[in-house]
Amino acid sequence: MSHSVARLAKFWRVLARVRRLRVQRRLRDVVDARRGERRTAGEVAQRVAALERHAEERLRVLASCRRDVTAGRQWHATLRAHDARTPTLRRQLAEAEAAHAEACAAAAQALTNWRRETIRQEEACTRARDCLIRLRESG
C-alpha cells in the first residue's frame, strides 16, 4: 500500500510542478493580453481625438466661408474636401473600437484560463500533500 501511495504522491508532485509552469505561462498570457488591451484603448483615444480635431477644423473652415464672401467658392471647395475625410476618420475609429473589443475579450479569456490553471495547480498540490500525509501515517 505504501509503495502505491508513494508512487501516487510522486505523480501528484510532478503534476503540480507541471501545472505551476502552466500557471506561469497563463499569467504571462494575461499580462500580454492586458498590454494589448491598453494599446488598443490608446488607439481608440487617438482616433477620437482626430475626429474632434477634424470637427474643430470644420468649424474654422465654415467660419471662413461665411466671413470671406469674395473667396467663398474656394472656401466651399475646401469645406467639401475637408468633409470628404470624415468617413475615413469614422471608419478608422470603428476599426480601432472593434480591435479594442477583441483585445478586451482576449484579456478576459486569458484571465479565465489563468484562474482555471491556478485551481488545477492548487488541486494537484493538495492531492500531493494528502498522499504524503497518508504515507507518513502508514509508514
N, C-alpha and C. Protein backbone atom coordinates (compact mmCIF):
# COMPACT_ATOMS: atom_id res chain seq x y z
N MET A 1 0.82 -1.19 0.00
CA MET A 1 0.00 0.00 0.00
C MET A 1 0.86 1.24 0.00
N SER A 2 1.92 1.26 0.84
CA SER A 2 2.74 2.47 0.94
C SER A 2 3.50 2.73 -0.36
N HIS A 3 3.82 1.64 -1.09
CA HIS A 3 4.51 1.81 -2.36
C HIS A 3 3.62 2.53 -3.38
N SER A 4 2.35 2.11 -3.45
CA SER A 4 1.43 2.76 -4.40
C SER A 4 1.13 4.19 -3.98
N VAL A 5 1.05 4.44 -2.67
CA VAL A 5 0.82 5.80 -2.18
C VAL A 5 2.04 6.67 -2.49
N ALA A 6 3.24 6.11 -2.36
CA ALA A 6 4.45 6.87 -2.68
C ALA A 6 4.49 7.21 -4.16
N ARG A 7 4.12 6.22 -5.00
CA ARG A 7 4.07 6.50 -6.44
C ARG A 7 3.03 7.56 -6.77
N LEU A 8 1.90 7.47 -6.11
CA LEU A 8 0.83 8.44 -6.33
C LEU A 8 1.27 9.84 -5.87
N ALA A 9 1.97 9.90 -4.74
CA ALA A 9 2.46 11.19 -4.24
C ALA A 9 3.47 11.79 -5.22
N LYS A 10 4.35 10.94 -5.74
CA LYS A 10 5.32 11.43 -6.72
C LYS A 10 4.62 11.94 -7.97
N PHE A 11 3.60 11.20 -8.43
CA PHE A 11 2.83 11.63 -9.59
C PHE A 11 2.21 13.00 -9.36
N TRP A 12 1.57 13.20 -8.20
CA TRP A 12 0.91 14.48 -7.93
C TRP A 12 1.92 15.61 -7.77
N ARG A 13 3.09 15.31 -7.22
CA ARG A 13 4.13 16.36 -7.11
C ARG A 13 4.60 16.80 -8.49
N VAL A 14 4.82 15.82 -9.38
CA VAL A 14 5.24 16.16 -10.75
C VAL A 14 4.14 16.93 -11.47
N LEU A 15 2.91 16.46 -11.31
CA LEU A 15 1.79 17.16 -11.95
C LEU A 15 1.63 18.58 -11.40
N ALA A 16 1.85 18.75 -10.10
CA ALA A 16 1.77 20.10 -9.51
C ALA A 16 2.85 21.00 -10.10
N ARG A 17 4.04 20.45 -10.30
CA ARG A 17 5.13 21.24 -10.90
C ARG A 17 4.78 21.64 -12.33
N VAL A 18 4.25 20.69 -13.10
CA VAL A 18 3.85 20.99 -14.48
C VAL A 18 2.75 22.04 -14.49
N ARG A 19 1.81 21.90 -13.61
CA ARG A 19 0.71 22.88 -13.57
C ARG A 19 1.19 24.24 -13.08
N ARG A 20 2.18 24.27 -12.23
CA ARG A 20 2.76 25.55 -11.80
C ARG A 20 3.38 26.27 -13.00
N LEU A 21 4.04 25.51 -13.87
CA LEU A 21 4.59 26.09 -15.10
C LEU A 21 3.47 26.61 -16.01
N ARG A 22 2.39 25.85 -16.06
CA ARG A 22 1.25 26.30 -16.87
C ARG A 22 0.64 27.59 -16.30
N VAL A 23 0.57 27.67 -14.99
CA VAL A 23 0.05 28.89 -14.35
C VAL A 23 0.93 30.08 -14.72
N GLN A 24 2.24 29.88 -14.67
CA GLN A 24 3.15 30.98 -15.03
C GLN A 24 2.96 31.39 -16.49
N ARG A 25 2.81 30.42 -17.36
CA ARG A 25 2.59 30.72 -18.79
C ARG A 25 1.27 31.47 -18.98
N ARG A 26 0.23 31.02 -18.30
CA ARG A 26 -1.07 31.70 -18.41
C ARG A 26 -1.00 33.12 -17.85
N LEU A 27 -0.21 33.31 -16.81
CA LEU A 27 -0.06 34.65 -16.24
C LEU A 27 0.64 35.57 -17.24
N ARG A 28 1.64 35.05 -17.94
CA ARG A 28 2.28 35.85 -18.99
C ARG A 28 1.29 36.18 -20.10
N ASP A 29 0.42 35.23 -20.41
CA ASP A 29 -0.62 35.49 -21.41
C ASP A 29 -1.56 36.61 -20.96
N VAL A 30 -1.90 36.62 -19.67
CA VAL A 30 -2.76 37.68 -19.13
C VAL A 30 -2.07 39.03 -19.26
N VAL A 31 -0.79 39.07 -18.90
CA VAL A 31 -0.04 40.33 -19.00
C VAL A 31 0.01 40.82 -20.44
N ASP A 32 0.29 39.91 -21.36
CA ASP A 32 0.34 40.29 -22.78
C ASP A 32 -1.02 40.78 -23.28
N ALA A 33 -2.08 40.09 -22.87
CA ALA A 33 -3.43 40.47 -23.32
C ALA A 33 -3.81 41.83 -22.76
N ARG A 34 -3.47 42.09 -21.51
CA ARG A 34 -3.79 43.40 -20.93
C ARG A 34 -2.96 44.50 -21.58
N ARG A 35 -1.74 44.18 -21.94
CA ARG A 35 -0.91 45.16 -22.65
C ARG A 35 -1.55 45.49 -24.00
N GLY A 36 -2.03 44.48 -24.70
CA GLY A 36 -2.72 44.70 -25.97
C GLY A 36 -4.00 45.50 -25.79
N GLU A 37 -4.69 45.24 -24.70
CA GLU A 37 -5.92 45.98 -24.40
C GLU A 37 -5.61 47.46 -24.18
N ARG A 38 -4.57 47.74 -23.42
CA ARG A 38 -4.18 49.15 -23.19
C ARG A 38 -3.74 49.82 -24.48
N ARG A 39 -3.01 49.09 -25.32
CA ARG A 39 -2.55 49.65 -26.59
C ARG A 39 -3.73 50.00 -27.48
N THR A 40 -4.69 49.10 -27.59
CA THR A 40 -5.84 49.38 -28.44
C THR A 40 -6.72 50.47 -27.86
N ALA A 41 -6.78 50.58 -26.54
CA ALA A 41 -7.53 51.69 -25.93
C ALA A 41 -6.87 53.02 -26.28
N GLY A 42 -5.54 53.03 -26.31
CA GLY A 42 -4.82 54.24 -26.73
C GLY A 42 -5.10 54.59 -28.17
N GLU A 43 -5.20 53.57 -29.02
CA GLU A 43 -5.52 53.83 -30.43
C GLU A 43 -6.92 54.41 -30.58
N VAL A 44 -7.87 53.90 -29.78
CA VAL A 44 -9.23 54.45 -29.83
C VAL A 44 -9.21 55.91 -29.40
N ALA A 45 -8.47 56.21 -28.34
CA ALA A 45 -8.38 57.60 -27.86
C ALA A 45 -7.77 58.50 -28.94
N GLN A 46 -6.76 58.00 -29.63
CA GLN A 46 -6.16 58.79 -30.71
C GLN A 46 -7.15 59.05 -31.84
N ARG A 47 -7.94 58.05 -32.18
CA ARG A 47 -8.93 58.21 -33.26
C ARG A 47 -10.04 59.18 -32.85
N VAL A 48 -10.45 59.12 -31.60
CA VAL A 48 -11.46 60.07 -31.11
C VAL A 48 -10.91 61.48 -31.15
N ALA A 49 -9.66 61.64 -30.72
CA ALA A 49 -9.03 62.97 -30.75
C ALA A 49 -8.91 63.48 -32.19
N ALA A 50 -8.60 62.59 -33.12
CA ALA A 50 -8.50 63.00 -34.53
C ALA A 50 -9.86 63.47 -35.05
N LEU A 51 -10.92 62.77 -34.68
CA LEU A 51 -12.26 63.20 -35.10
C LEU A 51 -12.63 64.54 -34.47
N GLU A 52 -12.26 64.74 -33.22
CA GLU A 52 -12.54 66.02 -32.56
C GLU A 52 -11.78 67.16 -33.23
N ARG A 53 -10.51 66.92 -33.54
CA ARG A 53 -9.74 67.95 -34.25
C ARG A 53 -10.35 68.24 -35.62
N HIS A 54 -10.80 67.20 -36.27
CA HIS A 54 -11.43 67.36 -37.58
C HIS A 54 -12.69 68.23 -37.47
N ALA A 55 -13.48 68.01 -36.44
CA ALA A 55 -14.70 68.81 -36.24
C ALA A 55 -14.35 70.27 -35.96
N GLU A 56 -13.30 70.49 -35.15
CA GLU A 56 -12.87 71.86 -34.86
C GLU A 56 -12.39 72.56 -36.13
N GLU A 57 -11.63 71.85 -36.94
CA GLU A 57 -11.15 72.42 -38.21
C GLU A 57 -12.33 72.76 -39.12
N ARG A 58 -13.33 71.90 -39.12
CA ARG A 58 -14.51 72.16 -39.95
C ARG A 58 -15.20 73.45 -39.52
N LEU A 59 -15.30 73.66 -38.22
CA LEU A 59 -15.92 74.90 -37.73
C LEU A 59 -15.13 76.12 -38.19
N ARG A 60 -13.81 76.02 -38.17
CA ARG A 60 -12.98 77.15 -38.63
C ARG A 60 -13.19 77.40 -40.13
N VAL A 61 -13.26 76.34 -40.92
CA VAL A 61 -13.48 76.50 -42.36
C VAL A 61 -14.86 77.09 -42.61
N LEU A 62 -15.87 76.63 -41.86
CA LEU A 62 -17.22 77.19 -42.01
C LEU A 62 -17.23 78.68 -41.68
N ALA A 63 -16.54 79.05 -40.62
CA ALA A 63 -16.48 80.47 -40.25
C ALA A 63 -15.82 81.27 -41.36
N SER A 64 -14.79 80.72 -41.97
CA SER A 64 -14.12 81.41 -43.07
C SER A 64 -15.03 81.52 -44.29
N CYS A 65 -15.85 80.50 -44.54
CA CYS A 65 -16.79 80.54 -45.67
C CYS A 65 -17.77 81.70 -45.50
N ARG A 66 -18.23 81.90 -44.28
CA ARG A 66 -19.20 82.96 -44.02
C ARG A 66 -18.55 84.34 -44.00
N ARG A 67 -17.33 84.38 -43.51
CA ARG A 67 -16.66 85.66 -43.32
C ARG A 67 -16.13 86.23 -44.64
N ASP A 68 -15.50 85.41 -45.45
CA ASP A 68 -14.83 85.88 -46.67
C ASP A 68 -15.71 85.59 -47.88
N VAL A 69 -16.55 86.54 -48.23
CA VAL A 69 -17.50 86.35 -49.33
C VAL A 69 -16.79 86.30 -50.67
N THR A 70 -15.71 87.07 -50.83
CA THR A 70 -15.01 87.13 -52.12
C THR A 70 -14.37 85.80 -52.50
N ALA A 71 -13.89 85.09 -51.51
CA ALA A 71 -13.24 83.79 -51.79
C ALA A 71 -14.16 82.64 -51.36
N GLY A 72 -15.45 82.88 -51.39
CA GLY A 72 -16.42 81.89 -50.92
C GLY A 72 -16.34 80.56 -51.63
N ARG A 73 -16.19 80.59 -52.96
CA ARG A 73 -16.11 79.33 -53.71
C ARG A 73 -14.91 78.50 -53.29
N GLN A 74 -13.80 79.19 -53.09
CA GLN A 74 -12.59 78.47 -52.68
C GLN A 74 -12.79 77.85 -51.30
N TRP A 75 -13.41 78.59 -50.38
CA TRP A 75 -13.65 78.06 -49.04
C TRP A 75 -14.64 76.90 -49.09
N HIS A 76 -15.65 76.99 -49.95
CA HIS A 76 -16.61 75.89 -50.06
C HIS A 76 -15.94 74.64 -50.63
N ALA A 77 -15.03 74.81 -51.57
CA ALA A 77 -14.27 73.67 -52.10
C ALA A 77 -13.41 73.07 -51.00
N THR A 78 -12.82 73.93 -50.18
CA THR A 78 -12.02 73.46 -49.05
C THR A 78 -12.90 72.69 -48.07
N LEU A 79 -14.11 73.20 -47.84
CA LEU A 79 -15.04 72.53 -46.93
C LEU A 79 -15.44 71.15 -47.47
N ARG A 80 -15.72 71.06 -48.76
CA ARG A 80 -16.07 69.76 -49.35
C ARG A 80 -14.90 68.77 -49.24
N ALA A 81 -13.71 69.25 -49.51
CA ALA A 81 -12.53 68.37 -49.39
C ALA A 81 -12.33 67.93 -47.94
N HIS A 82 -12.58 68.87 -47.03
CA HIS A 82 -12.44 68.55 -45.61
C HIS A 82 -13.49 67.52 -45.18
N ASP A 83 -14.72 67.71 -45.63
CA ASP A 83 -15.80 66.78 -45.28
C ASP A 83 -15.60 65.40 -45.91
N ALA A 84 -14.89 65.34 -47.01
CA ALA A 84 -14.63 64.06 -47.66
C ALA A 84 -13.76 63.14 -46.79
N ARG A 85 -13.01 63.72 -45.86
CA ARG A 85 -12.16 62.92 -44.97
C ARG A 85 -12.94 62.30 -43.81
N THR A 86 -14.14 62.82 -43.54
CA THR A 86 -14.92 62.36 -42.38
C THR A 86 -15.21 60.85 -42.41
N PRO A 87 -15.70 60.29 -43.51
CA PRO A 87 -15.97 58.83 -43.50
C PRO A 87 -14.73 57.99 -43.20
N THR A 88 -13.59 58.43 -43.70
CA THR A 88 -12.35 57.68 -43.45
C THR A 88 -12.01 57.72 -41.96
N LEU A 89 -12.14 58.88 -41.35
CA LEU A 89 -11.84 59.00 -39.92
C LEU A 89 -12.81 58.17 -39.09
N ARG A 90 -14.08 58.17 -39.46
CA ARG A 90 -15.07 57.37 -38.73
C ARG A 90 -14.82 55.88 -38.90
N ARG A 91 -14.43 55.47 -40.10
CA ARG A 91 -14.11 54.06 -40.34
C ARG A 91 -12.91 53.63 -39.50
N GLN A 92 -11.89 54.50 -39.44
CA GLN A 92 -10.71 54.19 -38.63
C GLN A 92 -11.08 54.07 -37.15
N LEU A 93 -11.98 54.93 -36.69
CA LEU A 93 -12.44 54.85 -35.30
C LEU A 93 -13.19 53.54 -35.07
N ALA A 94 -14.06 53.17 -35.99
CA ALA A 94 -14.81 51.92 -35.85
C ALA A 94 -13.87 50.71 -35.82
N GLU A 95 -12.84 50.73 -36.67
CA GLU A 95 -11.87 49.63 -36.68
C GLU A 95 -11.10 49.57 -35.37
N ALA A 96 -10.73 50.74 -34.85
CA ALA A 96 -10.00 50.78 -33.57
C ALA A 96 -10.89 50.28 -32.43
N GLU A 97 -12.16 50.66 -32.45
CA GLU A 97 -13.08 50.18 -31.41
C GLU A 97 -13.29 48.67 -31.50
N ALA A 98 -13.37 48.15 -32.72
CA ALA A 98 -13.52 46.70 -32.89
C ALA A 98 -12.27 45.97 -32.39
N ALA A 99 -11.10 46.51 -32.69
CA ALA A 99 -9.85 45.90 -32.22
C ALA A 99 -9.78 45.95 -30.69
N HIS A 100 -10.27 47.04 -30.12
CA HIS A 100 -10.27 47.16 -28.66
C HIS A 100 -11.23 46.14 -28.04
N ALA A 101 -12.39 45.96 -28.64
CA ALA A 101 -13.34 44.97 -28.14
C ALA A 101 -12.75 43.56 -28.20
N GLU A 102 -12.06 43.25 -29.28
CA GLU A 102 -11.39 41.94 -29.40
C GLU A 102 -10.31 41.78 -28.34
N ALA A 103 -9.56 42.85 -28.10
CA ALA A 103 -8.49 42.80 -27.10
C ALA A 103 -9.08 42.61 -25.70
N CYS A 104 -10.21 43.25 -25.43
CA CYS A 104 -10.87 43.08 -24.13
C CYS A 104 -11.34 41.63 -23.95
N ALA A 105 -11.91 41.08 -25.01
CA ALA A 105 -12.36 39.68 -24.95
C ALA A 105 -11.18 38.73 -24.76
N ALA A 106 -10.08 39.01 -25.43
CA ALA A 106 -8.88 38.17 -25.29
C ALA A 106 -8.33 38.27 -23.87
N ALA A 107 -8.36 39.46 -23.29
CA ALA A 107 -7.87 39.63 -21.92
C ALA A 107 -8.76 38.88 -20.93
N ALA A 108 -10.07 38.95 -21.14
CA ALA A 108 -10.99 38.23 -20.27
C ALA A 108 -10.78 36.72 -20.38
N GLN A 109 -10.58 36.23 -21.59
CA GLN A 109 -10.34 34.80 -21.79
C GLN A 109 -9.01 34.38 -21.16
N ALA A 110 -8.00 35.20 -21.30
CA ALA A 110 -6.69 34.89 -20.70
C ALA A 110 -6.81 34.82 -19.18
N LEU A 111 -7.58 35.73 -18.60
CA LEU A 111 -7.77 35.72 -17.15
C LEU A 111 -8.52 34.47 -16.71
N THR A 112 -9.53 34.09 -17.47
CA THR A 112 -10.28 32.86 -17.17
C THR A 112 -9.36 31.64 -17.25
N ASN A 113 -8.54 31.58 -18.28
CA ASN A 113 -7.60 30.46 -18.43
C ASN A 113 -6.61 30.42 -17.27
N TRP A 114 -6.12 31.57 -16.83
CA TRP A 114 -5.18 31.62 -15.72
C TRP A 114 -5.84 31.12 -14.44
N ARG A 115 -7.08 31.57 -14.19
CA ARG A 115 -7.80 31.12 -12.99
C ARG A 115 -8.02 29.61 -13.01
N ARG A 116 -8.38 29.09 -14.18
CA ARG A 116 -8.61 27.65 -14.31
C ARG A 116 -7.33 26.87 -14.01
N GLU A 117 -6.21 27.31 -14.57
CA GLU A 117 -4.93 26.62 -14.32
C GLU A 117 -4.51 26.75 -12.86
N THR A 118 -4.81 27.89 -12.24
CA THR A 118 -4.47 28.08 -10.83
C THR A 118 -5.24 27.09 -9.97
N ILE A 119 -6.52 26.91 -10.25
CA ILE A 119 -7.33 25.96 -9.49
C ILE A 119 -6.80 24.54 -9.68
N ARG A 120 -6.45 24.19 -10.89
CA ARG A 120 -5.90 22.85 -11.16
C ARG A 120 -4.57 22.64 -10.44
N GLN A 121 -3.74 23.66 -10.42
CA GLN A 121 -2.44 23.55 -9.76
C GLN A 121 -2.64 23.40 -8.24
N GLU A 122 -3.56 24.17 -7.67
CA GLU A 122 -3.83 24.06 -6.23
C GLU A 122 -4.37 22.68 -5.89
N GLU A 123 -5.22 22.14 -6.76
CA GLU A 123 -5.76 20.80 -6.53
C GLU A 123 -4.64 19.75 -6.56
N ALA A 124 -3.72 19.87 -7.50
CA ALA A 124 -2.61 18.91 -7.58
C ALA A 124 -1.73 19.01 -6.33
N CYS A 125 -1.48 20.23 -5.86
CA CYS A 125 -0.68 20.40 -4.64
C CYS A 125 -1.39 19.77 -3.44
N THR A 126 -2.69 19.98 -3.35
CA THR A 126 -3.46 19.41 -2.24
C THR A 126 -3.42 17.89 -2.28
N ARG A 127 -3.59 17.32 -3.45
CA ARG A 127 -3.56 15.85 -3.56
C ARG A 127 -2.17 15.30 -3.24
N ALA A 128 -1.13 15.99 -3.66
CA ALA A 128 0.23 15.54 -3.33
C ALA A 128 0.45 15.60 -1.82
N ARG A 129 -0.03 16.68 -1.20
CA ARG A 129 0.11 16.83 0.25
C ARG A 129 -0.67 15.73 0.98
N ASP A 130 -1.89 15.44 0.51
CA ASP A 130 -2.69 14.38 1.13
C ASP A 130 -2.00 13.03 1.02
N CYS A 131 -1.39 12.76 -0.13
CA CYS A 131 -0.67 11.49 -0.30
C CYS A 131 0.52 11.40 0.65
N LEU A 132 1.24 12.50 0.81
CA LEU A 132 2.38 12.50 1.73
C LEU A 132 1.92 12.29 3.17
N ILE A 133 0.80 12.88 3.53
CA ILE A 133 0.28 12.69 4.89
C ILE A 133 -0.11 11.23 5.10
N ARG A 134 -0.79 10.62 4.11
CA ARG A 134 -1.14 9.20 4.22
C ARG A 134 0.10 8.32 4.29
N LEU A 135 1.13 8.70 3.55
CA LEU A 135 2.37 7.93 3.54
C LEU A 135 3.04 7.99 4.91
N ARG A 136 3.06 9.16 5.53
CA ARG A 136 3.67 9.31 6.86
C ARG A 136 2.86 8.57 7.93
N GLU A 137 1.54 8.62 7.79
CA GLU A 137 0.68 7.95 8.78
C GLU A 137 0.80 6.43 8.68
N SER A 138 0.96 5.92 7.46
CA SER A 138 1.04 4.47 7.28
C SER A 138 2.44 3.93 7.53
N GLY A 139 3.45 4.81 7.37
CA GLY A 139 4.82 4.31 7.45
C GLY A 139 5.46 4.63 8.70
